[in-house]
Each structure stands twice: as C-alpha cells, then as structure tokens.
N, C-alpha and C. Protein backbone atom coordinates (compact mmCIF):
# COMPACT_ATOMS: atom_id res chain seq x y z
N MET A 1 58.69 76.58 3.08
CA MET A 1 59.86 75.99 3.51
C MET A 1 61.04 76.52 3.03
N ALA A 2 61.28 76.83 1.70
CA ALA A 2 62.52 77.88 1.20
C ALA A 2 62.92 78.71 2.10
N GLN A 3 61.89 79.41 2.19
CA GLN A 3 62.30 80.66 3.48
C GLN A 3 62.40 80.39 4.83
N LEU A 4 61.94 79.36 5.26
CA LEU A 4 62.45 78.64 6.66
C LEU A 4 63.96 78.10 6.53
N HIS A 5 64.04 77.39 5.35
CA HIS A 5 65.95 77.11 5.18
C HIS A 5 66.84 78.20 5.25
N LEU A 6 66.03 79.33 4.54
CA LEU A 6 66.78 80.45 4.22
C LEU A 6 67.45 81.25 5.56
N SER A 7 66.05 81.28 6.48
CA SER A 7 66.23 81.87 8.04
C SER A 7 67.32 81.35 8.68
N PHE A 8 67.90 79.82 8.57
CA PHE A 8 68.75 79.66 9.18
C PHE A 8 70.12 79.67 8.56
N THR A 9 70.44 80.72 7.71
CA THR A 9 71.27 81.21 7.44
C THR A 9 71.79 82.68 8.30
N GLU A 10 70.91 83.10 8.89
CA GLU A 10 71.04 84.44 9.52
C GLU A 10 71.49 84.08 10.81
N ILE A 11 72.33 85.06 11.37
CA ILE A 11 72.93 84.91 12.89
C ILE A 11 72.66 85.85 13.19
N ARG A 12 71.96 85.66 14.11
CA ARG A 12 71.28 87.30 15.18
C ARG A 12 72.23 86.92 16.70
N ALA A 13 72.62 88.22 17.06
CA ALA A 13 73.02 88.32 17.97
C ALA A 13 72.39 88.41 19.22
N PRO A 14 72.57 87.92 20.66
CA PRO A 14 71.30 88.20 21.91
C PRO A 14 71.48 89.54 22.17
N PHE A 15 72.91 90.24 21.91
CA PHE A 15 72.62 91.49 22.54
C PHE A 15 73.46 92.26 21.43
N ASP A 16 73.11 93.40 21.92
CA ASP A 16 74.67 94.67 21.19
C ASP A 16 75.84 94.54 21.78
N GLY A 17 77.04 94.74 21.16
CA GLY A 17 78.20 95.00 21.34
C GLY A 17 79.22 94.93 20.58
N THR A 18 80.47 94.78 20.67
CA THR A 18 81.87 94.69 19.89
C THR A 18 81.99 93.58 19.48
N ILE A 19 81.95 93.34 17.86
CA ILE A 19 82.53 92.43 17.20
C ILE A 19 83.95 92.30 17.02
N ASP A 20 84.36 90.90 17.18
CA ASP A 20 86.04 90.72 16.81
C ASP A 20 85.79 90.33 14.98
N ARG A 21 87.53 90.09 15.13
CA ARG A 21 87.43 89.72 13.31
C ARG A 21 87.14 88.39 13.32
N ILE A 22 86.52 88.44 12.13
CA ILE A 22 85.82 87.40 11.29
C ILE A 22 86.99 86.53 10.30
N PRO A 23 87.33 85.21 10.70
CA PRO A 23 88.58 84.77 10.07
C PRO A 23 87.78 83.87 8.82
N LYS A 24 86.81 83.62 8.79
CA LYS A 24 86.27 82.88 7.57
C LYS A 24 85.90 84.21 6.52
N LYS A 25 86.00 83.68 5.30
CA LYS A 25 85.73 84.68 3.91
C LYS A 25 84.10 83.84 3.49
N ILE A 26 83.45 85.13 2.75
CA ILE A 26 82.32 84.93 2.15
C ILE A 26 82.48 83.15 1.44
N GLY A 27 81.37 82.58 1.51
CA GLY A 27 81.50 81.00 0.98
C GLY A 27 82.31 79.93 1.33
N SER A 28 82.97 80.24 2.54
CA SER A 28 83.35 79.37 3.44
C SER A 28 82.61 78.42 3.88
N LEU A 29 82.75 77.21 4.21
CA LEU A 29 81.98 76.09 4.80
C LEU A 29 82.02 76.05 6.19
N ILE A 30 80.86 76.13 7.26
CA ILE A 30 80.65 76.39 8.38
C ILE A 30 80.40 74.88 8.91
N GLU A 31 81.38 74.43 9.77
CA GLU A 31 80.70 73.31 10.57
C GLU A 31 80.27 73.47 11.60
N GLU A 32 78.77 72.93 11.94
CA GLU A 32 78.16 72.64 13.26
C GLU A 32 78.94 72.97 14.47
N GLY A 33 78.62 74.02 15.36
CA GLY A 33 79.40 74.34 16.57
C GLY A 33 80.72 75.17 16.19
N GLU A 34 81.12 75.49 15.23
CA GLU A 34 82.01 76.07 15.02
C GLU A 34 82.27 77.84 15.33
N LEU A 35 82.99 78.05 16.09
CA LEU A 35 83.22 79.87 16.22
C LEU A 35 83.35 80.28 15.07
N LEU A 36 82.59 81.46 15.03
CA LEU A 36 82.73 82.44 13.84
C LEU A 36 83.58 83.80 14.36
N THR A 37 83.16 84.13 15.74
CA THR A 37 84.09 85.37 15.94
C THR A 37 83.40 85.51 17.33
N ILE A 38 83.81 86.50 17.92
CA ILE A 38 83.35 86.92 19.34
C ILE A 38 82.69 88.10 19.67
N LEU A 39 81.84 88.41 20.29
CA LEU A 39 81.00 89.66 20.39
C LEU A 39 81.05 90.10 21.63
N SER A 40 81.48 91.13 22.26
CA SER A 40 81.97 91.72 23.48
C SER A 40 80.76 92.72 23.96
N ASP A 41 79.67 92.64 25.01
CA ASP A 41 79.12 93.40 25.82
C ASP A 41 79.89 94.30 26.33
N ASN A 42 80.59 95.47 26.22
CA ASN A 42 81.39 96.17 26.82
C ASN A 42 80.70 97.59 27.33
N SER A 43 79.33 97.64 27.12
CA SER A 43 78.89 98.72 27.67
C SER A 43 79.20 99.15 29.23
N GLN A 44 79.40 97.83 29.96
CA GLN A 44 80.01 98.26 31.22
C GLN A 44 81.37 97.45 31.36
N MET A 45 82.32 97.72 32.02
CA MET A 45 83.50 96.74 31.98
C MET A 45 83.89 96.58 33.49
N PHE A 46 84.68 95.43 33.63
CA PHE A 46 85.02 95.02 35.22
C PHE A 46 86.52 95.29 35.19
N ALA A 47 87.16 95.96 36.29
CA ALA A 47 88.41 96.33 36.38
C ALA A 47 89.14 95.32 37.83
N TYR A 48 89.94 94.10 37.55
CA TYR A 48 90.54 93.70 38.69
C TYR A 48 91.52 94.23 39.08
N PHE A 49 91.91 94.51 40.22
CA PHE A 49 93.14 94.88 40.68
C PHE A 49 93.08 94.18 42.27
N ASN A 50 94.61 94.34 42.83
CA ASN A 50 94.91 93.48 44.03
C ASN A 50 95.30 94.65 44.76
N VAL A 51 94.91 94.63 46.35
CA VAL A 51 95.33 95.34 47.26
C VAL A 51 96.13 94.71 48.25
N SER A 52 96.92 95.60 48.71
CA SER A 52 97.91 95.06 49.93
C SER A 52 97.01 94.86 51.22
N GLU A 53 97.47 94.16 52.04
CA GLU A 53 96.38 93.95 53.31
C GLU A 53 96.44 95.31 54.18
N PRO A 54 97.77 95.94 54.56
CA PRO A 54 97.47 97.47 55.27
C PRO A 54 96.46 98.26 54.31
N GLU A 55 96.50 98.24 52.90
CA GLU A 55 95.11 99.33 52.30
C GLU A 55 94.01 98.51 52.77
N TYR A 56 93.92 97.40 52.39
CA TYR A 56 92.47 96.72 52.34
C TYR A 56 92.08 96.87 53.99
N LEU A 57 92.84 97.15 55.11
CA LEU A 57 92.60 97.12 56.53
C LEU A 57 91.99 98.59 56.54
N ASP A 58 92.57 99.70 55.91
CA ASP A 58 92.69 100.86 55.96
C ASP A 58 90.88 101.26 55.34
N TYR A 59 90.87 100.43 53.98
CA TYR A 59 89.87 100.60 53.32
C TYR A 59 88.47 100.14 54.13
N GLN A 60 88.80 99.06 54.75
CA GLN A 60 87.17 98.38 55.45
C GLN A 60 87.19 99.19 57.01
N MET A 61 87.97 99.25 57.62
CA MET A 61 88.09 99.92 58.60
C MET A 61 87.58 101.41 58.68
N ASN A 62 87.40 102.31 57.70
CA ASN A 62 87.29 103.43 57.50
C ASN A 62 86.06 103.91 56.38
N VAL A 63 85.08 102.59 56.70
CA VAL A 63 83.96 102.53 56.06
C VAL A 63 82.84 103.91 56.22
N ILE A 64 82.89 104.19 57.50
CA ILE A 64 82.11 105.33 58.05
C ILE A 64 82.68 106.36 57.42
N TYR A 65 83.91 106.97 57.25
CA TYR A 65 84.28 108.25 56.56
C TYR A 65 84.54 107.97 55.55
N ARG A 66 84.36 106.95 54.76
CA ARG A 66 84.48 106.42 53.25
C ARG A 66 83.45 107.35 52.30
N ALA A 67 82.25 107.14 53.16
CA ALA A 67 81.21 106.98 52.65
C ALA A 67 80.42 106.37 51.37
N ASN A 68 81.43 106.01 50.28
CA ASN A 68 80.99 105.24 49.19
C ASN A 68 82.12 104.24 48.75
N THR A 69 81.69 103.37 47.57
CA THR A 69 82.87 102.61 47.09
C THR A 69 83.15 102.58 45.99
N ASN A 70 83.30 104.23 45.83
CA ASN A 70 83.58 104.58 44.17
C ASN A 70 85.27 104.47 44.06
N VAL A 71 85.70 104.30 43.19
CA VAL A 71 87.02 104.31 42.40
C VAL A 71 87.10 104.90 41.44
N SER A 72 88.58 105.41 41.16
CA SER A 72 88.51 106.23 39.85
C SER A 72 89.63 104.93 39.20
N LEU A 73 89.48 105.46 37.69
CA LEU A 73 90.51 104.40 36.92
C LEU A 73 91.43 105.66 36.28
N LEU A 74 93.01 105.13 36.17
CA LEU A 74 93.75 106.23 35.70
C LEU A 74 94.57 105.26 34.53
N LEU A 75 94.37 105.34 33.43
CA LEU A 75 94.42 104.66 32.08
C LEU A 75 96.02 104.84 31.84
N ALA A 76 96.00 104.10 30.99
CA ALA A 76 97.75 103.73 30.26
C ALA A 76 98.57 104.82 29.94
N ASN A 77 97.77 106.06 29.34
CA ASN A 77 98.22 106.93 28.90
C ASN A 77 98.31 108.28 29.93
N ASN A 78 98.35 107.79 31.33
CA ASN A 78 98.25 108.82 32.25
C ASN A 78 96.90 109.78 32.39
N GLU A 79 95.85 109.50 31.89
CA GLU A 79 94.95 110.00 31.78
C GLU A 79 93.64 109.62 32.48
N LEU A 80 92.92 110.48 33.54
CA LEU A 80 91.99 109.82 34.09
C LEU A 80 90.38 109.67 33.25
N TYR A 81 89.98 108.37 33.95
CA TYR A 81 89.04 107.97 33.26
C TYR A 81 87.68 108.67 33.70
N PRO A 82 87.08 109.22 32.94
CA PRO A 82 85.90 110.26 33.21
C PRO A 82 84.97 110.00 34.06
N SER A 83 84.59 108.33 33.99
CA SER A 83 83.54 108.00 34.75
C SER A 83 83.99 107.00 36.25
N LYS A 84 83.30 107.19 37.37
CA LYS A 84 83.78 106.70 38.25
C LYS A 84 83.32 105.15 38.53
N GLY A 85 83.96 104.12 38.99
CA GLY A 85 83.82 103.02 39.17
C GLY A 85 83.25 102.55 40.50
N ASN A 86 82.68 101.43 40.80
CA ASN A 86 82.33 101.00 41.92
C ASN A 86 82.41 99.66 42.49
N VAL A 87 83.05 99.27 43.75
CA VAL A 87 83.53 98.23 43.80
C VAL A 87 82.56 97.48 43.89
N GLU A 88 82.49 96.14 43.68
CA GLU A 88 81.53 95.17 43.70
C GLU A 88 81.47 93.77 44.57
N VAL A 89 82.84 93.60 44.33
CA VAL A 89 83.23 92.34 44.60
C VAL A 89 84.71 92.37 45.50
N ILE A 90 84.81 91.82 46.36
CA ILE A 90 85.90 91.62 47.25
C ILE A 90 86.16 89.75 47.54
N GLU A 91 87.35 89.39 47.03
CA GLU A 91 87.80 88.14 47.33
C GLU A 91 87.60 87.74 48.84
N SER A 92 87.39 86.49 49.11
CA SER A 92 87.44 86.17 50.33
C SER A 92 88.72 85.56 51.14
N GLU A 93 89.71 85.48 50.16
CA GLU A 93 91.12 85.16 50.80
C GLU A 93 92.33 86.16 50.37
N PHE A 94 93.20 86.06 50.95
CA PHE A 94 94.51 86.63 50.40
C PHE A 94 95.18 85.75 49.98
N ASN A 95 96.14 86.08 49.04
CA ASN A 95 97.19 85.48 48.46
C ASN A 95 98.50 84.99 49.15
N ASN A 96 98.54 83.98 49.52
CA ASN A 96 99.77 83.85 50.46
C ASN A 96 100.95 84.31 49.81
N ASP A 97 101.26 84.09 48.85
CA ASP A 97 102.52 84.64 48.06
C ASP A 97 102.66 86.01 47.51
N THR A 98 101.78 86.81 47.53
CA THR A 98 101.88 88.16 47.29
C THR A 98 101.31 88.80 48.49
N GLY A 99 100.40 88.58 49.56
CA GLY A 99 99.84 89.19 50.58
C GLY A 99 98.94 89.79 49.92
N ASN A 100 98.66 90.08 48.69
CA ASN A 100 97.76 90.63 48.22
C ASN A 100 95.79 89.92 48.16
N ILE A 101 94.87 90.91 48.31
CA ILE A 101 93.56 90.50 48.08
C ILE A 101 92.77 91.29 46.87
N ALA A 102 92.26 90.14 46.27
CA ALA A 102 91.64 90.84 44.85
C ALA A 102 90.50 91.55 44.61
N PHE A 103 90.26 92.79 44.06
CA PHE A 103 88.95 93.69 44.33
C PHE A 103 88.30 93.34 42.67
N ARG A 104 87.22 93.85 42.58
CA ARG A 104 86.90 94.18 41.33
C ARG A 104 85.71 95.11 41.22
N ALA A 105 85.75 96.06 40.25
CA ALA A 105 85.25 97.40 40.19
C ALA A 105 84.41 97.26 39.30
N ARG A 106 83.05 97.81 38.96
CA ARG A 106 82.42 97.90 37.97
C ARG A 106 82.55 99.51 37.31
N PHE A 107 82.90 99.58 36.04
CA PHE A 107 83.03 100.87 35.42
C PHE A 107 82.01 101.08 34.07
N PRO A 108 81.24 101.94 34.02
CA PRO A 108 80.39 102.22 32.65
C PRO A 108 81.25 102.47 31.48
N ASN A 109 80.67 102.21 30.57
CA ASN A 109 81.51 102.54 29.12
C ASN A 109 80.93 103.17 28.30
N PRO A 110 80.05 104.15 28.35
CA PRO A 110 78.95 104.47 27.03
C PRO A 110 79.79 104.71 25.79
N ASN A 111 81.06 105.10 26.00
CA ASN A 111 81.83 105.57 24.63
C ASN A 111 82.68 104.32 23.91
N LYS A 112 82.61 103.18 24.93
CA LYS A 112 83.08 102.02 24.12
C LYS A 112 84.81 102.45 24.32
N LEU A 113 85.15 103.33 25.10
CA LEU A 113 86.65 103.55 25.31
C LEU A 113 87.72 102.27 25.99
N LEU A 114 87.05 101.68 26.80
CA LEU A 114 87.32 100.70 27.84
C LEU A 114 87.21 99.21 26.87
N ARG A 115 88.29 98.59 26.39
CA ARG A 115 88.24 97.21 26.10
C ARG A 115 88.81 96.26 26.86
N HIS A 116 88.62 94.85 26.32
CA HIS A 116 88.87 93.86 26.84
C HIS A 116 90.44 93.42 27.20
N GLY A 117 91.14 93.38 28.28
CA GLY A 117 92.66 93.37 28.33
C GLY A 117 93.54 94.55 28.62
N GLU A 118 92.81 96.08 28.75
CA GLU A 118 93.62 97.24 28.82
C GLU A 118 94.12 97.37 29.97
N THR A 119 95.27 98.16 30.43
CA THR A 119 95.76 97.99 31.83
C THR A 119 95.40 99.43 32.16
N GLY A 120 95.58 99.64 33.50
CA GLY A 120 95.41 101.01 34.12
C GLY A 120 95.90 100.96 35.54
N SER A 121 95.42 101.85 36.44
CA SER A 121 95.87 102.06 38.03
C SER A 121 94.61 102.78 38.40
N VAL A 122 94.01 101.75 39.58
CA VAL A 122 92.91 101.94 40.10
C VAL A 122 93.37 102.70 41.13
N ARG A 123 92.51 104.05 41.64
CA ARG A 123 92.55 104.78 42.91
C ARG A 123 91.59 104.72 43.62
N MET A 124 91.66 104.40 44.91
CA MET A 124 90.71 104.42 45.92
C MET A 124 90.70 105.26 47.10
N ILE A 125 89.64 105.40 47.66
CA ILE A 125 89.33 106.40 48.49
C ILE A 125 89.73 105.80 50.14
N VAL A 126 90.72 106.13 50.34
CA VAL A 126 91.56 105.84 51.83
C VAL A 126 91.55 107.25 52.82
N PRO A 127 90.54 107.33 53.59
CA PRO A 127 90.82 108.72 54.34
C PRO A 127 91.77 108.61 55.73
N PHE A 128 92.48 109.70 55.77
CA PHE A 128 93.41 109.96 56.81
C PHE A 128 92.90 111.05 57.71
N LYS A 129 92.94 110.74 58.87
CA LYS A 129 92.53 111.92 59.98
C LYS A 129 93.61 112.61 60.37
N ASN A 130 93.57 113.57 60.68
CA ASN A 130 94.43 114.79 61.13
C ASN A 130 95.62 114.17 60.84
N SER A 131 95.88 114.35 59.43
CA SER A 131 97.25 114.22 59.02
C SER A 131 97.76 115.31 58.35
N ILE A 132 98.77 115.72 58.10
CA ILE A 132 99.34 116.72 57.04
C ILE A 132 100.06 115.96 55.84
N VAL A 133 99.93 117.11 54.94
CA VAL A 133 100.19 116.59 53.98
C VAL A 133 101.40 117.40 52.83
N ILE A 134 102.89 116.86 52.95
CA ILE A 134 104.07 117.79 52.75
C ILE A 134 104.70 117.06 51.24
N PRO A 135 105.48 118.08 50.57
CA PRO A 135 105.97 117.65 49.47
C PRO A 135 107.28 116.31 49.80
N GLN A 136 107.33 115.51 48.78
CA GLN A 136 108.37 114.61 48.61
C GLN A 136 109.42 115.08 49.02
N LYS A 137 109.91 116.28 48.10
CA LYS A 137 111.58 116.85 48.03
C LYS A 137 111.60 117.42 49.31
N ALA A 138 110.81 118.16 50.17
CA ALA A 138 111.32 118.67 51.52
C ALA A 138 111.97 117.75 52.42
N THR A 139 111.85 115.96 52.20
CA THR A 139 111.99 115.49 53.27
C THR A 139 113.51 114.89 52.72
N TYR A 140 114.57 114.45 53.65
CA TYR A 140 115.45 113.15 53.37
C TYR A 140 115.81 112.37 54.44
N GLU A 141 116.38 111.54 53.94
CA GLU A 141 116.46 110.03 54.76
C GLU A 141 117.78 109.73 55.33
N ILE A 142 117.68 109.13 56.54
CA ILE A 142 119.08 108.63 57.29
C ILE A 142 118.52 107.09 57.59
N GLN A 143 118.99 106.51 57.23
CA GLN A 143 119.00 104.87 57.98
C GLN A 143 117.37 104.63 57.76
N ASP A 144 116.76 104.63 56.84
CA ASP A 144 115.24 104.04 56.60
C ASP A 144 114.42 105.09 57.25
N LYS A 145 114.97 106.05 57.65
CA LYS A 145 113.95 107.02 58.87
C LYS A 145 114.17 108.51 57.94
N LYS A 146 112.84 108.97 57.42
CA LYS A 146 112.42 110.37 56.94
C LYS A 146 112.41 111.77 58.02
N TYR A 147 113.24 112.81 57.28
CA TYR A 147 113.32 113.74 58.46
C TYR A 147 112.83 115.09 57.41
N VAL A 148 112.77 116.37 58.16
CA VAL A 148 112.31 117.65 57.52
C VAL A 148 113.20 118.29 57.99
N PHE A 149 113.63 119.40 57.65
CA PHE A 149 114.39 120.64 58.36
C PHE A 149 113.22 121.65 58.60
N VAL A 150 113.14 122.08 60.11
CA VAL A 150 111.43 122.85 60.76
C VAL A 150 112.38 124.22 61.14
N LEU A 151 111.72 125.12 61.03
CA LEU A 151 112.47 126.33 60.91
C LEU A 151 111.92 126.98 62.36
N ASN A 152 112.85 127.42 63.31
CA ASN A 152 111.84 127.92 64.39
C ASN A 152 111.81 129.64 64.47
N LYS A 153 111.55 129.93 65.40
CA LYS A 153 111.19 131.37 65.55
C LYS A 153 112.47 132.33 65.39
N ASN A 154 113.84 131.94 66.02
CA ASN A 154 114.89 132.42 65.76
C ASN A 154 115.46 132.02 64.13
N ASN A 155 114.63 131.48 63.16
CA ASN A 155 115.44 131.46 62.03
C ASN A 155 116.22 130.32 62.10
N ILE A 156 116.50 129.11 63.19
CA ILE A 156 117.52 128.44 63.16
C ILE A 156 116.74 126.80 62.89
N LEU A 157 117.61 126.18 61.96
CA LEU A 157 117.19 124.86 61.51
C LEU A 157 116.97 123.62 62.35
N GLU A 158 115.97 123.19 62.70
CA GLU A 158 115.83 121.78 63.42
C GLU A 158 115.52 120.91 62.88
N SER A 159 116.18 119.44 62.77
CA SER A 159 115.84 118.52 62.10
C SER A 159 114.91 117.62 62.84
N LYS A 160 113.44 117.22 62.33
CA LYS A 160 112.94 116.76 62.97
C LYS A 160 112.17 115.40 61.83
N GLU A 161 112.21 114.15 62.62
CA GLU A 161 111.45 112.99 61.81
C GLU A 161 110.08 112.99 61.97
N ILE A 162 109.70 112.15 60.91
CA ILE A 162 108.42 112.27 60.43
C ILE A 162 108.02 111.03 60.23
N THR A 163 106.66 110.82 60.40
CA THR A 163 105.88 109.61 60.36
C THR A 163 105.15 109.16 59.06
N VAL A 164 105.54 108.43 58.15
CA VAL A 164 104.81 108.59 56.96
C VAL A 164 103.64 107.53 56.70
N THR A 165 102.28 107.91 56.84
CA THR A 165 101.78 107.08 56.62
C THR A 165 100.87 106.75 55.29
N GLY A 166 101.38 107.71 54.37
CA GLY A 166 100.51 107.30 52.86
C GLY A 166 101.45 108.02 51.92
N GLU A 167 101.60 107.63 50.79
CA GLU A 167 102.46 108.43 49.76
C GLU A 167 101.65 108.47 48.56
N ILE A 168 101.36 109.65 47.86
CA ILE A 168 100.48 109.85 46.52
C ILE A 168 101.64 110.76 45.83
N PRO A 169 101.86 110.74 44.52
CA PRO A 169 102.37 111.50 43.43
C PRO A 169 102.89 112.79 43.94
N ASP A 170 104.08 113.04 44.60
CA ASP A 170 104.80 114.30 45.00
C ASP A 170 104.87 114.56 46.44
N LEU A 171 103.79 113.77 46.98
CA LEU A 171 103.36 114.22 48.43
C LEU A 171 103.67 113.05 49.06
N TYR A 172 103.89 113.48 50.49
CA TYR A 172 103.56 112.15 52.00
C TYR A 172 102.60 112.75 52.70
N VAL A 173 101.91 111.49 53.13
CA VAL A 173 100.86 111.85 53.82
C VAL A 173 101.83 111.63 55.70
N ILE A 174 101.46 112.59 56.56
CA ILE A 174 102.39 112.46 57.60
C ILE A 174 101.53 112.62 58.93
N THR A 175 101.78 111.70 60.27
CA THR A 175 100.84 111.80 61.23
C THR A 175 101.61 112.55 62.40
N SER A 176 102.90 112.24 62.27
CA SER A 176 103.60 112.91 63.60
C SER A 176 104.80 113.36 63.19
N GLY A 177 105.61 114.30 63.99
CA GLY A 177 106.79 114.88 63.60
C GLY A 177 106.82 116.57 63.34
N ILE A 178 105.47 116.94 62.84
CA ILE A 178 105.64 118.52 62.76
C ILE A 178 104.24 118.49 62.53
N THR A 179 104.04 120.02 62.87
CA THR A 179 102.19 120.55 63.00
C THR A 179 101.99 121.32 61.78
N ALA A 180 100.91 121.64 61.86
CA ALA A 180 100.93 122.47 60.54
C ALA A 180 100.81 123.82 60.58
N ASN A 181 101.13 124.36 61.93
CA ASN A 181 101.52 125.77 62.00
C ASN A 181 103.48 125.80 61.66
N ASN A 182 103.99 124.53 61.50
CA ASN A 182 105.61 124.74 61.21
C ASN A 182 105.76 124.93 59.76
N LYS A 183 107.16 125.90 59.86
CA LYS A 183 107.91 126.15 58.81
C LYS A 183 108.71 125.00 58.65
N ILE A 184 108.88 124.63 56.91
CA ILE A 184 109.97 123.45 56.67
C ILE A 184 110.58 124.10 55.55
N VAL A 185 111.79 123.50 54.92
CA VAL A 185 112.19 123.83 54.09
C VAL A 185 112.21 122.82 53.19
N LEU A 186 111.63 123.56 51.70
CA LEU A 186 111.25 123.23 50.56
C LEU A 186 112.44 122.68 49.67
N GLU A 187 113.19 124.02 49.56
CA GLU A 187 114.21 123.51 48.37
C GLU A 187 115.53 123.96 49.07
N GLY A 188 116.51 122.95 48.63
CA GLY A 188 117.90 122.93 49.02
C GLY A 188 117.87 122.21 50.31
N VAL A 189 117.23 121.13 50.67
CA VAL A 189 117.49 120.24 51.75
C VAL A 189 118.83 119.73 51.87
N GLN A 190 119.53 119.56 50.66
CA GLN A 190 120.93 118.54 50.88
C GLN A 190 121.70 119.80 51.16
N LYS A 191 121.44 120.78 50.95
CA LYS A 191 122.29 122.35 51.15
C LYS A 191 122.67 123.17 52.68
N VAL A 192 121.68 122.33 53.68
CA VAL A 192 121.69 122.84 54.73
C VAL A 192 121.90 122.03 55.92
N LYS A 193 122.30 122.16 57.08
CA LYS A 193 122.36 121.31 58.32
C LYS A 193 121.63 121.82 59.30
N ASP A 194 121.35 120.78 60.48
CA ASP A 194 120.51 120.92 62.03
C ASP A 194 121.50 122.15 62.63
N GLY A 195 120.55 123.00 62.98
CA GLY A 195 121.13 124.04 63.76
C GLY A 195 122.00 125.03 63.19
N GLU A 196 121.64 125.37 61.82
CA GLU A 196 121.94 126.17 60.83
C GLU A 196 121.02 127.19 60.69
N LYS A 197 121.28 128.76 60.97
CA LYS A 197 120.52 129.96 60.74
C LYS A 197 120.48 130.49 59.40
N ILE A 198 119.42 130.39 58.60
CA ILE A 198 119.23 130.86 57.50
C ILE A 198 118.26 131.99 56.96
N LYS A 199 118.37 132.54 56.08
CA LYS A 199 117.19 133.58 55.49
C LYS A 199 116.70 132.65 54.46
N TYR A 200 114.95 133.09 54.55
CA TYR A 200 114.29 132.30 53.67
C TYR A 200 113.44 133.11 52.88
N ASP A 201 112.63 132.75 51.96
CA ASP A 201 111.45 133.11 50.94
C ASP A 201 110.25 132.47 51.33
N TYR A 202 109.13 132.81 51.95
CA TYR A 202 108.10 131.85 52.31
C TYR A 202 106.85 132.01 51.13
N VAL A 203 106.73 130.68 51.05
CA VAL A 203 105.81 130.36 50.11
C VAL A 203 104.63 129.41 50.50
N SER A 204 103.33 129.90 50.43
CA SER A 204 102.25 129.35 50.94
C SER A 204 102.09 127.86 50.58
N PRO A 205 101.79 126.83 51.48
CA PRO A 205 101.43 125.57 51.01
C PRO A 205 100.64 125.31 49.86
N LYS A 206 99.55 126.45 49.49
CA LYS A 206 98.70 126.24 48.64
C LYS A 206 99.36 126.48 47.11
N GLU A 207 100.22 127.13 47.33
CA GLU A 207 100.86 127.74 45.97
C GLU A 207 101.81 126.46 45.43
N VAL A 208 102.64 126.00 46.60
CA VAL A 208 103.60 124.82 46.10
C VAL A 208 102.96 123.71 45.74
N ILE A 209 101.54 123.15 46.31
CA ILE A 209 100.89 122.29 45.74
C ILE A 209 100.33 122.46 44.40
N SER A 210 99.89 123.51 43.97
CA SER A 210 99.56 123.90 42.75
C SER A 210 100.41 123.88 41.80
N HIS A 211 101.91 123.46 42.40
CA HIS A 211 102.78 123.59 41.05
C HIS A 211 103.35 122.17 41.16
N LEU A 212 102.86 121.22 41.83
CA LEU A 212 103.31 119.82 41.69
C LEU A 212 102.25 119.04 40.79
N ARG A 213 102.90 117.78 40.14
CA ARG A 213 101.93 117.00 39.40
C ARG A 213 100.44 116.38 39.83
N LEU A 214 100.25 116.58 41.20
CA LEU A 214 99.15 116.07 41.58
C LEU A 214 98.89 117.75 42.06
N LYS A 215 97.41 117.69 41.53
CA LYS A 215 96.54 119.25 42.46
C LYS A 215 95.97 118.39 43.25
N ALA A 216 96.48 118.99 44.19
CA ALA A 216 95.65 118.52 45.90
C ALA A 216 94.81 119.55 46.68
N GLU A 217 94.15 119.38 47.53
CA GLU A 217 94.28 120.48 48.36
C GLU A 217 93.83 120.20 49.93
C-alpha cells in the first residue's frame, strides 16, 4: 500500500518532447488539477502562412507541373531550413479583410531547431512557363510601367516595356517585352536614353545571376 501511494507522486509524460519551465519549487503543495508545466512534442512542426488569391490560383492551377506540395522555410536569420516541408491543409475560405487564404505545412524537426512561436518565410514552388528572368536593376519605371533598354544590331538602344509576372530577390520574371536573344543594359540604366548609340561590354546571364543574392539557374 505504501509503494502504491508513493507511485502516485510520479508524473510520467505520455510522449517524448521538450519541457517548459517549472514554476513550482521542490516541496510546494500541488492542488489537484493544477498545471505543473508544458510538454511539447516538437519532433514535427506546423508552419501556418497566408497566400494571396493570385498566388493561390497559380499554385492550384499548375498542380500538374508543380509535381509535389513541398515548400521551403527561410528562418528569421535568413538561413534556409535544411528540411523540406509538405503542405497538408488549405483552409476552405479566403479572408475578406486581407484577401488571403491560410495554408499549413508540416516540417520535420529532428534537431529540435524549430520551436513554437518562431517566425520565418515560406517559399512555395509556383511554375512559370515560357518566361524570362532578368535582374531588377536592369529595369526602370515610368507611370507604374516597367521598361528595359534593348540593344539592336547597330548598338542603338531601344526602350521596351516588359510585363512582370513574378518577383524574387534581385530578379523579375517576365512573359513579354523581350526575348531570350535580346541584349539589355544592366549597369547605368539611368545614364542612357532611348535612341542612343553606345559601346558595351557583354556579360553572360549566368555570370550576372551568380553575383546576385539569389543563386538561380
């Protein structure tokens, strides 16, 4: 009977996890039903994020080309989380105030790096077909429209309006305005003008992109 009563003093968790602080000291009187601490099973973590209506439509309508529902997590220190997450839940309704819809992705957390309440940015895979990627600094803006300077065969500059369909760090994704064979002005966009003849040094797109913050192919 004494051993049975003694066993009532043992508290066993139903699962492994990370324990929160324990405010009670040894010897404190504990009332029945009182909360001692919080135990979190953070072997896997949920990331909740909001997606705009255009992004949601691009994501859902390109499911054939997307191939999977994997997403990446950019942590608050701008480091990419090493494990991919998987989108599991999409809410049924858009928020009328924000125009966004909520997603939930599950991330493995073997090293317990992720904790409840952390912040970060979720990167989703949204395919673009027949698109061209150019550096943002190669563009200029007039009345909310974006332009680039294209060099013709006589080394004369021509201003071309472009249509931006996507934006990622340092880069624009465009679907019209120029072709993959066009040469555009990268440096000194503000120092030249339409119809001007120039001399230039050619730099390959691969080399230009390799020096940007975002390493893309």
